[in-house]
Amino acid sequence: MPKGYWIARVDVSDPEQYKAYVAANAKPLAMYGAKFLVRGGPFENPEGGARSRNVVIEFPSKQAALDCWNSPEYRAAVALRAPVSVVDMVIIEGYDGPQPG
């Protein structure tokens, strides 16, 4: 079964308040088997638009990613994040097919 991913681009207007969201999201992310693959860090943006922060989170499946997103625990965390950030979020299924080469 392919893994699932959250791909988020984020602008944060109040980093101190955003810390409350980061603390609150830890429990639901752990409950659904999440693993951070990208969590901020330096980046290049050679094409298209960008936000100041990029995050990629891996889940055991797309369904687990969706279940986490819709969980009451994560929705409570979003309530802390929403007033101090703008987020572009994609929840997507991974690819297990043939690779170049």
PDB file of N, CA and C in Angstrom:
ATOM      1  N   MET A   1       0.839  -1.181   0.000  1.00  0.00           N
ATOM      2  CA  MET A   1       0.000   0.000   0.000  1.00  0.00           C
ATOM      3  C   MET A   1       0.885   1.246   0.000  1.00  0.00           C
ATOM      4  N   PRO A   2       0.625   2.194  -0.884  1.00  0.00           N
ATOM      5  CA  PRO A   2       1.427   3.423  -0.906  1.00  0.00           C
ATOM      6  C   PRO A   2       1.230   4.245   0.365  1.00  0.00           C
ATOM      7  N   LYS A   3       2.262   4.951   0.730  1.00  0.00           N
ATOM      8  CA  LYS A   3       2.185   5.845   1.886  1.00  0.00           C
ATOM      9  C   LYS A   3       1.388   7.085   1.510  1.00  0.00           C
ATOM     10  N   GLY A   4       1.010   7.849   2.510  1.00  0.00           N
ATOM     11  CA  GLY A   4       0.328   9.118   2.305  1.00  0.00           C
ATOM     12  C   GLY A   4       1.197  10.249   2.812  1.00  0.00           C
ATOM     13  N   TYR A   5       0.973  11.434   2.274  1.00  0.00           N
ATOM     14  CA  TYR A   5       1.811  12.588   2.616  1.00  0.00           C
ATOM     15  C   TYR A   5       0.976  13.843   2.795  1.00  0.00           C
ATOM     16  N   TRP A   6       1.388  14.662   3.738  1.00  0.00           N
ATOM     17  CA  TRP A   6       0.944  16.045   3.807  1.00  0.00           C
ATOM     18  C   TRP A   6       2.081  16.865   3.229  1.00  0.00           C
ATOM     19  N   ILE A   7       1.768  17.715   2.301  1.00  0.00           N
ATOM     20  CA  ILE A   7       2.736  18.671   1.764  1.00  0.00           C
ATOM     21  C   ILE A   7       2.171  20.051   2.060  1.00  0.00           C
ATOM     22  N   ALA A   8       2.861  20.805   2.890  1.00  0.00           N
ATOM     23  CA  ALA A   8       2.356  22.106   3.329  1.00  0.00           C
ATOM     24  C   ALA A   8       3.382  23.198   3.062  1.00  0.00           C
ATOM     25  N   ARG A   9       2.858  24.325   2.643  1.00  0.00           N
ATOM     26  CA  ARG A   9       3.649  25.557   2.519  1.00  0.00           C
ATOM     27  C   ARG A   9       2.992  26.562   3.453  1.00  0.00           C
ATOM     28  N   VAL A  10       3.792  27.211   4.303  1.00  0.00           N
ATOM     29  CA  VAL A  10       3.235  27.991   5.406  1.00  0.00           C
ATOM     30  C   VAL A  10       3.931  29.346   5.526  1.00  0.00           C
ATOM     31  N   ASP A  11       3.140  30.385   5.757  1.00  0.00           N
ATOM     32  CA  ASP A  11       3.640  31.680   6.206  1.00  0.00           C
ATOM     33  C   ASP A  11       3.123  31.879   7.622  1.00  0.00           C
ATOM     34  N   VAL A  12       4.019  32.205   8.537  1.00  0.00           N
ATOM     35  CA  VAL A  12       3.672  32.377   9.951  1.00  0.00           C
ATOM     36  C   VAL A  12       3.818  33.850  10.310  1.00  0.00           C
ATOM     37  N   SER A  13       2.748  34.446  10.838  1.00  0.00           N
ATOM     38  CA  SER A  13       2.799  35.865  11.216  1.00  0.00           C
ATOM     39  C   SER A  13       3.193  36.076  12.680  1.00  0.00           C
ATOM     40  N   ASP A  14       3.031  35.051  13.523  1.00  0.00           N
ATOM     41  CA  ASP A  14       3.385  35.162  14.935  1.00  0.00           C
ATOM     42  C   ASP A  14       4.067  33.862  15.382  1.00  0.00           C
ATOM     43  N   PRO A  15       5.406  33.820  15.274  1.00  0.00           N
ATOM     44  CA  PRO A  15       6.129  32.586  15.612  1.00  0.00           C
ATOM     45  C   PRO A  15       5.907  32.102  17.045  1.00  0.00           C
ATOM     46  N   GLU A  16       5.731  32.994  17.985  1.00  0.00           N
ATOM     47  CA  GLU A  16       5.508  32.577  19.376  1.00  0.00           C
ATOM     48  C   GLU A  16       4.169  31.864  19.508  1.00  0.00           C
ATOM     49  N   GLN A  17       3.124  32.403  18.930  1.00  0.00           N
ATOM     50  CA  GLN A  17       1.806  31.773  18.982  1.00  0.00           C
ATOM     51  C   GLN A  17       1.809  30.458  18.206  1.00  0.00           C
ATOM     52  N   TYR A  18       2.568  30.394  17.118  1.00  0.00           N
ATOM     53  CA  TYR A  18       2.644  29.187  16.292  1.00  0.00           C
ATOM     54  C   TYR A  18       3.205  28.010  17.090  1.00  0.00           C
ATOM     55  N   LYS A  19       4.033  28.294  18.078  1.00  0.00           N
ATOM     56  CA  LYS A  19       4.597  27.237  18.924  1.00  0.00           C
ATOM     57  C   LYS A  19       3.506  26.440  19.635  1.00  0.00           C
ATOM     58  N   ALA A  20       2.388  27.089  19.961  1.00  0.00           N
ATOM     59  CA  ALA A  20       1.275  26.380  20.599  1.00  0.00           C
ATOM     60  C   ALA A  20       0.690  25.339  19.649  1.00  0.00           C
ATOM     61  N   TYR A  21       0.615  25.682  18.368  1.00  0.00           N
ATOM     62  CA  TYR A  21       0.142  24.724  17.354  1.00  0.00           C
ATOM     63  C   TYR A  21       1.109  23.547  17.245  1.00  0.00           C
ATOM     64  N   VAL A  22       2.388  23.829  17.193  1.00  0.00           N
ATOM     65  CA  VAL A  22       3.399  22.769  17.074  1.00  0.00           C
ATOM     66  C   VAL A  22       3.285  21.810  18.259  1.00  0.00           C
ATOM     67  N   ALA A  23       3.109  22.346  19.456  1.00  0.00           N
ATOM     68  CA  ALA A  23       2.956  21.484  20.637  1.00  0.00           C
ATOM     69  C   ALA A  23       1.666  20.667  20.555  1.00  0.00           C
ATOM     70  N   ALA A  24       0.591  21.277  20.081  1.00  0.00           N
ATOM     71  CA  ALA A  24      -0.705  20.598  20.030  1.00  0.00           C
ATOM     72  C   ALA A  24      -0.792  19.556  18.926  1.00  0.00           C
ATOM     73  N   ASN A  25      -0.015  19.719  17.863  1.00  0.00           N
ATOM     74  CA  ASN A  25      -0.122  18.744  16.763  1.00  0.00           C
ATOM     75  C   ASN A  25       0.666  17.469  17.024  1.00  0.00           C
ATOM     76  N   ALA A  26       1.535  17.466  18.023  1.00  0.00           N
ATOM     77  CA  ALA A  26       2.384  16.297  18.281  1.00  0.00           C
ATOM     78  C   ALA A  26       1.567  15.042  18.578  1.00  0.00           C
ATOM     79  N   LYS A  27       0.541  15.160  19.393  1.00  0.00           N
ATOM     80  CA  LYS A  27      -0.252  13.986  19.772  1.00  0.00           C
ATOM     81  C   LYS A  27      -0.990  13.382  18.573  1.00  0.00           C
ATOM     82  N   PRO A  28      -1.774  14.164  17.809  1.00  0.00           N
ATOM     83  CA  PRO A  28      -2.458  13.528  16.680  1.00  0.00           C
ATOM     84  C   PRO A  28      -1.494  12.999  15.622  1.00  0.00           C
ATOM     85  N   LEU A  29      -0.396  13.680  15.381  1.00  0.00           N
ATOM     86  CA  LEU A  29       0.564  13.163  14.406  1.00  0.00           C
ATOM     87  C   LEU A  29       1.108  11.811  14.860  1.00  0.00           C
ATOM     88  N   ALA A  30       1.431  11.685  16.130  1.00  0.00           N
ATOM     89  CA  ALA A  30       1.925  10.404  16.649  1.00  0.00           C
ATOM     90  C   ALA A  30       0.844   9.326  16.570  1.00  0.00           C
ATOM     91  N   MET A  31      -0.402   9.696  16.870  1.00  0.00           N
ATOM     92  CA  MET A  31      -1.508   8.735  16.845  1.00  0.00           C
ATOM     93  C   MET A  31      -1.681   8.093  15.467  1.00  0.00           C
ATOM     94  N   TYR A  32      -1.367   8.844  14.413  1.00  0.00           N
ATOM     95  CA  TYR A  32      -1.591   8.356  13.049  1.00  0.00           C
ATOM     96  C   TYR A  32      -0.304   7.955  12.345  1.00  0.00           C
ATOM     97  N   GLY A  33       0.787   7.785  13.098  1.00  0.00           N
ATOM     98  CA  GLY A  33       2.028   7.252  12.545  1.00  0.00           C
ATOM     99  C   GLY A  33       2.803   8.209  11.660  1.00  0.00           C
ATOM    100  N   ALA A  34       2.679   9.508  11.911  1.00  0.00           N
ATOM    101  CA  ALA A  34       3.343  10.517  11.082  1.00  0.00           C
ATOM    102  C   ALA A  34       4.849  10.548  11.313  1.00  0.00           C
ATOM    103  N   LYS A  35       5.553  10.908  10.249  1.00  0.00           N
ATOM    104  CA  LYS A  35       7.011  11.069  10.296  1.00  0.00           C
ATOM    105  C   LYS A  35       7.366  12.310   9.469  1.00  0.00           C
ATOM    106  N   PHE A  36       8.066  13.264  10.095  1.00  0.00           N
ATOM    107  CA  PHE A  36       8.498  14.446   9.360  1.00  0.00           C
ATOM    108  C   PHE A  36       9.624  14.083   8.407  1.00  0.00           C
ATOM    109  N   LEU A  37       9.463  14.422   7.141  1.00  0.00           N
ATOM    110  CA  LEU A  37      10.530  14.267   6.150  1.00  0.00           C
ATOM    111  C   LEU A  37      11.183  15.612   5.863  1.00  0.00           C
ATOM    112  N   VAL A  38      10.390  16.661   5.903  1.00  0.00           N
ATOM    113  CA  VAL A  38      10.863  18.040   5.741  1.00  0.00           C
ATOM    114  C   VAL A  38      10.143  18.861   6.788  1.00  0.00           C
ATOM    115  N   ARG A  39      10.909  19.672   7.520  1.00  0.00           N
ATOM    116  CA  ARG A  39      10.304  20.508   8.558  1.00  0.00           C
ATOM    117  C   ARG A  39      11.019  21.849   8.582  1.00  0.00           C
ATOM    118  N   GLY A  40      10.602  22.724   7.663  1.00  0.00           N
ATOM    119  CA  GLY A  40      11.277  24.010   7.537  1.00  0.00           C
ATOM    120  C   GLY A  40      12.600  23.817   6.817  1.00  0.00           C
ATOM    121  N   GLY A  41      13.565  24.596   7.155  1.00  0.00           N
ATOM    122  CA  GLY A  41      14.897  24.466   6.579  1.00  0.00           C
ATOM    123  C   GLY A  41      15.074  25.311   5.329  1.00  0.00           C
ATOM    124  N   PRO A  42      16.326  25.507   4.950  1.00  0.00           N
ATOM    125  CA  PRO A  42      16.618  26.322   3.767  1.00  0.00           C
ATOM    126  C   PRO A  42      16.105  25.655   2.495  1.00  0.00           C
ATOM    127  N   PHE A  43      15.671  26.460   1.540  1.00  0.00           N
ATOM    128  CA  PHE A  43      15.164  25.915   0.285  1.00  0.00           C
ATOM    129  C   PHE A  43      15.412  26.886  -0.856  1.00  0.00           C
ATOM    130  N   GLU A  44      15.333  26.383  -2.042  1.00  0.00           N
ATOM    131  CA  GLU A  44      15.385  27.177  -3.271  1.00  0.00           C
ATOM    132  C   GLU A  44      13.998  27.134  -3.896  1.00  0.00           C
ATOM    133  N   ASN A  45      13.630  28.181  -4.594  1.00  0.00           N
ATOM    134  CA  ASN A  45      12.326  28.236  -5.259  1.00  0.00           C
ATOM    135  C   ASN A  45      12.548  28.650  -6.714  1.00  0.00           C
ATOM    136  N   PRO A  46      13.034  27.708  -7.552  1.00  0.00           N
ATOM    137  CA  PRO A  46      13.394  28.063  -8.920  1.00  0.00           C
ATOM    138  C   PRO A  46      12.222  28.376  -9.838  1.00  0.00           C
ATOM    139  N   GLU A  47      11.002  28.041  -9.421  1.00  0.00           N
ATOM    140  CA  GLU A  47       9.858  28.301 -10.291  1.00  0.00           C
ATOM    141  C   GLU A  47       8.584  28.393  -9.454  1.00  0.00           C
ATOM    142  N   GLY A  48       7.672  29.269  -9.828  1.00  0.00           N
ATOM    143  CA  GLY A  48       6.391  29.398  -9.141  1.00  0.00           C
ATOM    144  C   GLY A  48       6.500  30.171  -7.845  1.00  0.00           C
ATOM    145  N   GLY A  49       5.409  30.175  -7.091  1.00  0.00           N
ATOM    146  CA  GLY A  49       5.344  30.899  -5.825  1.00  0.00           C
ATOM    147  C   GLY A  49       5.896  30.081  -4.677  1.00  0.00           C
ATOM    148  N   ALA A  50       6.075  30.742  -3.550  1.00  0.00           N
ATOM    149  CA  ALA A  50       6.602  30.063  -2.363  1.00  0.00           C
ATOM    150  C   ALA A  50       6.029  30.713  -1.116  1.00  0.00           C
ATOM    151  N   ARG A  51       6.104  29.992  -0.041  1.00  0.00           N
ATOM    152  CA  ARG A  51       5.845  30.520   1.296  1.00  0.00           C
ATOM    153  C   ARG A  51       7.136  30.344   2.090  1.00  0.00           C
ATOM    154  N   SER A  52       7.195  30.906   3.272  1.00  0.00           N
ATOM    155  CA  SER A  52       8.455  30.943   4.015  1.00  0.00           C
ATOM    156  C   SER A  52       8.834  29.617   4.665  1.00  0.00           C
ATOM    157  N   ARG A  53       7.878  28.704   4.822  1.00  0.00           N
ATOM    158  CA  ARG A  53       8.141  27.436   5.515  1.00  0.00           C
ATOM    159  C   ARG A  53       7.524  26.303   4.700  1.00  0.00           C
ATOM    160  N   ASN A  54       8.246  25.203   4.570  1.00  0.00           N
ATOM    161  CA  ASN A  54       7.776  24.019   3.843  1.00  0.00           C
ATOM    162  C   ASN A  54       7.856  22.807   4.756  1.00  0.00           C
ATOM    163  N   VAL A  55       6.811  21.963   4.682  1.00  0.00           N
ATOM    164  CA  VAL A  55       6.750  20.784   5.534  1.00  0.00           C
ATOM    165  C   VAL A  55       6.234  19.612   4.707  1.00  0.00           C
ATOM    166  N   VAL A  56       6.888  18.455   4.846  1.00  0.00           N
ATOM    167  CA  VAL A  56       6.406  17.211   4.250  1.00  0.00           C
ATOM    168  C   VAL A  56       6.343  16.184   5.371  1.00  0.00           C
ATOM    169  N   ILE A  57       5.150  15.603   5.556  1.00  0.00           N
ATOM    170  CA  ILE A  57       4.942  14.615   6.611  1.00  0.00           C
ATOM    171  C   ILE A  57       4.457  13.327   5.959  1.00  0.00           C
ATOM    172  N   GLU A  58       5.116  12.222   6.291  1.00  0.00           N
ATOM    173  CA  GLU A  58       4.772  10.907   5.750  1.00  0.00           C
ATOM    174  C   GLU A  58       3.872  10.167   6.735  1.00  0.00           C
ATOM    175  N   PHE A  59       2.853   9.488   6.184  1.00  0.00           N
ATOM    176  CA  PHE A  59       1.950   8.648   6.962  1.00  0.00           C
ATOM    177  C   PHE A  59       1.973   7.236   6.390  1.00  0.00           C
ATOM    178  N   PRO A  60       1.541   6.245   7.157  1.00  0.00           N
ATOM    179  CA  PRO A  60       1.541   4.868   6.645  1.00  0.00           C
ATOM    180  C   PRO A  60       0.673   4.687   5.399  1.00  0.00           C
ATOM    181  N   SER A  61      -0.338   5.547   5.218  1.00  0.00           N
ATOM    182  CA  SER A  61      -1.239   5.459   4.061  1.00  0.00           C
ATOM    183  C   SER A  61      -1.903   6.816   3.857  1.00  0.00           C
ATOM    184  N   LYS A  62      -2.497   7.003   2.684  1.00  0.00           N
ATOM    185  CA  LYS A  62      -3.260   8.231   2.451  1.00  0.00           C
ATOM    186  C   LYS A  62      -4.438   8.292   3.417  1.00  0.00           C
ATOM    187  N   GLN A  63      -5.063   7.152   3.694  1.00  0.00           N
ATOM    188  CA  GLN A  63      -6.194   7.148   4.623  1.00  0.00           C
ATOM    189  C   GLN A  63      -5.767   7.611   6.006  1.00  0.00           C
ATOM    190  N   ALA A  64      -4.602   7.178   6.475  1.00  0.00           N
ATOM    191  CA  ALA A  64      -4.105   7.635   7.776  1.00  0.00           C
ATOM    192  C   ALA A  64      -3.876   9.149   7.755  1.00  0.00           C
ATOM    193  N   ALA A  65      -3.357   9.669   6.635  1.00  0.00           N
ATOM    194  CA  ALA A  65      -3.142  11.115   6.499  1.00  0.00           C
ATOM    195  C   ALA A  65      -4.469  11.866   6.576  1.00  0.00           C
ATOM    196  N   LEU A  66      -5.486  11.349   5.892  1.00  0.00           N
ATOM    197  CA  LEU A  66      -6.813  11.973   5.926  1.00  0.00           C
ATOM    198  C   LEU A  66      -7.445  11.855   7.311  1.00  0.00           C
ATOM    199  N   ASP A  67      -7.311  10.694   7.936  1.00  0.00           N
ATOM    200  CA  ASP A  67      -7.885  10.495   9.267  1.00  0.00           C
ATOM    201  C   ASP A  67      -7.254  11.451  10.277  1.00  0.00           C
ATOM    202  N   CYS A  68      -5.960  11.651  10.191  1.00  0.00           N
ATOM    203  CA  CYS A  68      -5.287  12.589  11.085  1.00  0.00           C
ATOM    204  C   CYS A  68      -5.820  13.998  10.849  1.00  0.00           C
ATOM    205  N   TRP A  69      -5.878  14.413   9.592  1.00  0.00           N
ATOM    206  CA  TRP A  69      -6.364  15.750   9.231  1.00  0.00           C
ATOM    207  C   TRP A  69      -7.763  16.000   9.811  1.00  0.00           C
ATOM    208  N   ASN A  70      -8.613  14.999   9.754  1.00  0.00           N
ATOM    209  CA  ASN A  70      -9.998  15.140  10.191  1.00  0.00           C
ATOM    210  C   ASN A  70     -10.230  14.825  11.670  1.00  0.00           C
ATOM    211  N   SER A  71      -9.194  14.397  12.383  1.00  0.00           N
ATOM    212  CA  SER A  71      -9.358  14.012  13.783  1.00  0.00           C
ATOM    213  C   SER A  71      -9.669  15.234  14.655  1.00  0.00           C
ATOM    214  N   PRO A  72     -10.447  15.036  15.711  1.00  0.00           N
ATOM    215  CA  PRO A  72     -10.738  16.145  16.632  1.00  0.00           C
ATOM    216  C   PRO A  72      -9.466  16.741  17.235  1.00  0.00           C
ATOM    217  N   GLU A  73      -8.483  15.886  17.499  1.00  0.00           N
ATOM    218  CA  GLU A  73      -7.227  16.365  18.093  1.00  0.00           C
ATOM    219  C   GLU A  73      -6.484  17.302  17.141  1.00  0.00           C
ATOM    220  N   TYR A  74      -6.442  16.936  15.863  1.00  0.00           N
ATOM    221  CA  TYR A  74      -5.738  17.815  14.919  1.00  0.00           C
ATOM    222  C   TYR A  74      -6.558  19.066  14.619  1.00  0.00           C
ATOM    223  N   ARG A  75      -7.872  18.948  14.535  1.00  0.00           N
ATOM    224  CA  ARG A  75      -8.716  20.122  14.294  1.00  0.00           C
ATOM    225  C   ARG A  75      -8.521  21.140  15.425  1.00  0.00           C
ATOM    226  N   ALA A  76      -8.337  20.664  16.664  1.00  0.00           N
ATOM    227  CA  ALA A  76      -8.068  21.565  17.791  1.00  0.00           C
ATOM    228  C   ALA A  76      -6.732  22.282  17.596  1.00  0.00           C
ATOM    229  N   ALA A  77      -5.739  21.568  17.081  1.00  0.00           N
ATOM    230  CA  ALA A  77      -4.437  22.191  16.811  1.00  0.00           C
ATOM    231  C   ALA A  77      -4.576  23.253  15.718  1.00  0.00           C
ATOM    232  N   VAL A  78      -5.357  22.953  14.681  1.00  0.00           N
ATOM    233  CA  VAL A  78      -5.560  23.919  13.589  1.00  0.00           C
ATOM    234  C   VAL A  78      -6.184  25.208  14.122  1.00  0.00           C
ATOM    235  N   ALA A  79      -7.066  25.093  15.092  1.00  0.00           N
ATOM    236  CA  ALA A  79      -7.680  26.291  15.670  1.00  0.00           C
ATOM    237  C   ALA A  79      -6.631  27.212  16.287  1.00  0.00           C
ATOM    238  N   LEU A  80      -5.532  26.655  16.765  1.00  0.00           N
ATOM    239  CA  LEU A  80      -4.431  27.463  17.305  1.00  0.00           C
ATOM    240  C   LEU A  80      -3.579  28.062  16.192  1.00  0.00           C
ATOM    241  N   ARG A  81      -3.444  27.340  15.094  1.00  0.00           N
ATOM    242  CA  ARG A  81      -2.598  27.771  13.983  1.00  0.00           C
ATOM    243  C   ARG A  81      -3.264  28.817  13.100  1.00  0.00           C
ATOM    244  N   ALA A  82      -4.541  28.646  12.845  1.00  0.00           N
ATOM    245  CA  ALA A  82      -5.235  29.452  11.843  1.00  0.00           C
ATOM    246  C   ALA A  82      -5.100  30.964  12.025  1.00  0.00           C
ATOM    247  N   PRO A  83      -5.193  31.494  13.244  1.00  0.00           N
ATOM    248  CA  PRO A  83      -5.110  32.956  13.375  1.00  0.00           C
ATOM    249  C   PRO A  83      -3.724  33.539  13.080  1.00  0.00           C
ATOM    250  N   VAL A  84      -2.709  32.703  13.083  1.00  0.00           N
ATOM    251  CA  VAL A  84      -1.339  33.229  12.953  1.00  0.00           C
ATOM    252  C   VAL A  84      -0.583  32.675  11.750  1.00  0.00           C
ATOM    253  N   SER A  85      -1.311  32.070  10.791  1.00  0.00           N
ATOM    254  CA  SER A  85      -0.611  31.501   9.642  1.00  0.00           C
ATOM    255  C   SER A  85      -1.533  31.413   8.433  1.00  0.00           C
ATOM    256  N   VAL A  86      -0.895  31.305   7.285  1.00  0.00           N
ATOM    257  CA  VAL A  86      -1.578  31.010   6.029  1.00  0.00           C
ATOM    258  C   VAL A  86      -0.940  29.736   5.510  1.00  0.00           C
ATOM    259  N   VAL A  87      -1.767  28.744   5.147  1.00  0.00           N
ATOM    260  CA  VAL A  87      -1.255  27.427   4.772  1.00  0.00           C
ATOM    261  C   VAL A  87      -1.846  26.980   3.447  1.00  0.00           C
ATOM    262  N   ASP A  88      -0.985  26.457   2.582  1.00  0.00           N
ATOM    263  CA  ASP A  88      -1.403  25.705   1.403  1.00  0.00           C
ATOM    264  C   ASP A  88      -1.099  24.251   1.724  1.00  0.00           C
ATOM    265  N   MET A  89      -2.117  23.386   1.717  1.00  0.00           N
ATOM    266  CA  MET A  89      -1.943  21.990   2.131  1.00  0.00           C
ATOM    267  C   MET A  89      -2.439  21.055   1.043  1.00  0.00           C
ATOM    268  N   VAL A  90      -1.653  20.025   0.784  1.00  0.00           N
ATOM    269  CA  VAL A  90      -2.053  18.945  -0.113  1.00  0.00           C
ATOM    270  C   VAL A  90      -1.900  17.647   0.665  1.00  0.00           C
ATOM    271  N   ILE A  91      -2.900  16.777   0.585  1.00  0.00           N
ATOM    272  CA  ILE A  91      -2.797  15.422   1.119  1.00  0.00           C
ATOM    273  C   ILE A  91      -2.809  14.507  -0.089  1.00  0.00           C
ATOM    274  N   ILE A  92      -1.756  13.709  -0.231  1.00  0.00           N
ATOM    275  CA  ILE A  92      -1.546  12.972  -1.473  1.00  0.00           C
ATOM    276  C   ILE A  92      -1.056  11.554  -1.197  1.00  0.00           C
ATOM    277  N   GLU A  93      -1.407  10.655  -2.097  1.00  0.00           N
ATOM    278  CA  GLU A  93      -0.927   9.274  -2.012  1.00  0.00           C
ATOM    279  C   GLU A  93       0.448   9.184  -2.670  1.00  0.00           C
ATOM    280  N   GLY A  94       1.340   8.417  -2.041  1.00  0.00           N
ATOM    281  CA  GLY A  94       2.666   8.190  -2.598  1.00  0.00           C
ATOM    282  C   GLY A  94       2.618   7.322  -3.839  1.00  0.00           C
ATOM    283  N   TYR A  95       3.759   7.174  -4.467  1.00  0.00           N
ATOM    284  CA  TYR A  95       3.886   6.412  -5.712  1.00  0.00           C
ATOM    285  C   TYR A  95       4.823   5.246  -5.489  1.00  0.00           C
ATOM    286  N   ASP A  96       4.367   4.040  -5.834  1.00  0.00           N
ATOM    287  CA  ASP A  96       5.161   2.824  -5.670  1.00  0.00           C
ATOM    288  C   ASP A  96       5.512   2.174  -7.004  1.00  0.00           C
ATOM    289  N   GLY A  97       5.293   2.865  -8.119  1.00  0.00           N
ATOM    290  CA  GLY A  97       5.500   2.283  -9.434  1.00  0.00           C
ATOM    291  C   GLY A  97       6.939   2.348  -9.917  1.00  0.00           C
ATOM    292  N   PRO A  98       7.138   2.042 -11.189  1.00  0.00           N
ATOM    293  CA  PRO A  98       8.471   2.046 -11.790  1.00  0.00           C
ATOM    294  C   PRO A  98       9.139   3.415 -11.677  1.00  0.00           C
ATOM    295  N   GLN A  99      10.454   3.368 -11.588  1.00  0.00           N
ATOM    296  CA  GLN A  99      11.252   4.588 -11.490  1.00  0.00           C
ATOM    297  C   GLN A  99      12.136   4.737 -12.724  1.00  0.00           C
ATOM    298  N   PRO A 100      12.602   5.951 -13.015  1.00  0.00           N
ATOM    299  CA  PRO A 100      13.490   6.151 -14.156  1.00  0.00           C
ATOM    300  C   PRO A 100      14.781   5.337 -14.002  1.00  0.00           C
ATOM    301  N   GLY A 101      15.314   4.983 -15.096  1.00  0.00           N
ATOM    302  CA  GLY A 101      16.621   4.342 -15.000  1.00  0.00           C
ATOM    303  C   GLY A 101      16.696   3.095 -15.706  1.00  0.00           C
TER     304      GLY A 101
END
